Amino acid sequence: MKTFPFLAALLALTACNKTPMGRADEAFDLADAAQANARTALSRAEDLESKISDLESEKSQLETKLDELEAKMEQQRAEFEDYKQGSVQWHHKHGGY
């Protein structure tokens, strides 16, 4: 049962027709189960936080790589434009185009 220990104990005490000691034992068992569930949920949350941190780091690295590739592409585009301009000028000087 995924609930707070005191709620589990309250439900156990009000939901059964056992002796007071039987009710207390059941409430204690339910509280233990709730506490175990809470520990499991906390562990899962910590695992997810770690995975999120890893993914954010990977995202940052990929963004850096993308920026580098975009800069390289822009540089190559500029070099190509310079090459085209030089080629056109050469052809104009030598009777082409």
Protein backbone atom coordinates (compact mmCIF):
# COMPACT_ATOMS: atom_id res chain seq x y z
CA MET A 1 0.00 0.00 0.00
CA LYS A 2 1.52 3.30 -1.06
CA THR A 3 0.41 5.68 1.64
CA PHE A 4 1.78 7.43 4.65
CA PRO A 5 2.46 5.18 7.66
CA PHE A 6 -0.03 6.93 9.92
CA LEU A 7 -2.78 6.60 7.29
CA ALA A 8 -1.99 2.93 6.89
CA ALA A 9 -2.18 2.48 10.64
CA LEU A 10 -5.47 4.35 10.83
CA LEU A 11 -6.98 2.27 8.03
CA ALA A 12 -5.80 -0.90 9.68
CA LEU A 13 -7.31 0.07 13.02
CA THR A 14 -10.68 1.09 11.61
CA ALA A 15 -11.08 -1.55 8.89
CA CYS A 16 -10.80 -4.77 10.85
CA ASN A 17 -12.64 -6.47 13.67
CA LYS A 18 -9.56 -7.88 15.33
CA THR A 19 -8.36 -7.60 18.86
CA PRO A 20 -6.54 -4.39 19.70
CA MET A 21 -3.23 -6.27 19.57
CA GLY A 22 -4.13 -7.77 16.18
CA ARG A 23 -5.05 -4.33 14.88
CA ALA A 24 -1.80 -2.89 16.19
CA ASP A 25 0.21 -5.67 14.53
CA GLU A 26 -1.57 -5.11 11.23
CA ALA A 27 -1.10 -1.36 11.49
CA PHE A 28 2.59 -1.87 12.21
CA ASP A 29 2.93 -4.17 9.18
CA LEU A 30 1.16 -1.65 6.97
CA ALA A 31 3.36 1.14 8.27
CA ASP A 32 6.46 -0.95 7.51
CA ALA A 33 5.19 -1.62 4.00
CA ALA A 34 4.45 2.07 3.46
CA GLN A 35 7.91 2.98 4.69
CA ALA A 36 9.50 0.43 2.34
CA ASN A 37 7.47 1.84 -0.55
CA ALA A 38 8.60 5.34 0.35
CA ARG A 39 12.26 4.24 0.37
CA THR A 40 11.79 2.57 -3.03
CA ALA A 41 10.14 5.70 -4.45
CA LEU A 42 12.96 7.86 -3.09
CA SER A 43 15.56 5.57 -4.63
CA ARG A 44 13.78 5.70 -7.99
CA ALA A 45 13.58 9.49 -7.79
CA GLU A 46 17.31 9.69 -7.07
CA ASP A 47 18.02 7.39 -10.04
CA LEU A 48 15.89 9.59 -12.29
CA GLU A 49 17.64 12.73 -11.06
CA SER A 50 20.98 11.13 -11.90
CA LYS A 51 19.75 10.16 -15.39
CA ILE A 52 18.42 13.68 -15.95
CA SER A 53 21.78 15.13 -14.95
CA ASP A 54 23.57 12.77 -17.35
CA LEU A 55 21.18 13.70 -20.16
CA GLU A 56 21.64 17.42 -19.50
CA SER A 57 25.40 16.97 -19.69
CA GLU A 58 25.08 15.02 -22.94
CA LYS A 59 22.76 17.70 -24.33
CA SER A 60 25.30 20.39 -23.48
CA GLN A 61 28.05 18.44 -25.23
CA LEU A 62 25.87 17.94 -28.30
CA GLU A 63 24.97 21.64 -28.40
CA THR A 64 28.67 22.52 -28.26
CA LYS A 65 29.41 20.09 -31.09
CA LEU A 66 26.51 21.54 -33.12
CA ASP A 67 27.88 25.06 -32.62
CA GLU A 68 31.30 23.88 -33.81
CA LEU A 69 29.80 22.20 -36.88
CA GLU A 70 27.70 25.25 -37.72
CA ALA A 71 30.77 27.50 -37.47
CA LYS A 72 32.74 25.12 -39.70
CA MET A 73 29.88 25.01 -42.20
CA GLU A 74 29.71 28.81 -42.28
CA GLN A 75 33.46 29.02 -42.81
CA GLN A 76 33.26 26.52 -45.68
CA ARG A 77 30.35 28.42 -47.18
CA ALA A 78 32.38 31.65 -47.07
CA GLU A 79 35.39 29.89 -48.62
CA PHE A 80 33.17 28.50 -51.37
CA GLU A 81 31.73 31.95 -52.08
CA ASP A 82 35.28 33.33 -52.29
CA TYR A 83 36.19 30.50 -54.66
CA LYS A 84 33.14 31.19 -56.85
CA GLN A 85 33.98 34.90 -56.98
CA GLY A 86 37.58 34.14 -57.90
CA SER A 87 36.48 31.67 -60.56
CA VAL A 88 34.06 34.15 -62.13
CA GLN A 89 36.73 36.87 -62.14
CA TRP A 90 39.25 34.50 -63.74
CA HIS A 91 36.77 33.57 -66.48
CA HIS A 92 35.97 37.24 -67.11
CA LYS A 93 39.67 38.05 -67.48
CA HIS A 94 40.23 35.14 -69.85
CA GLY A 95 37.22 35.56 -72.07
CA GLY A 96 34.81 33.18 -70.40
CA TYR A 97 31.28 33.71 -69.14
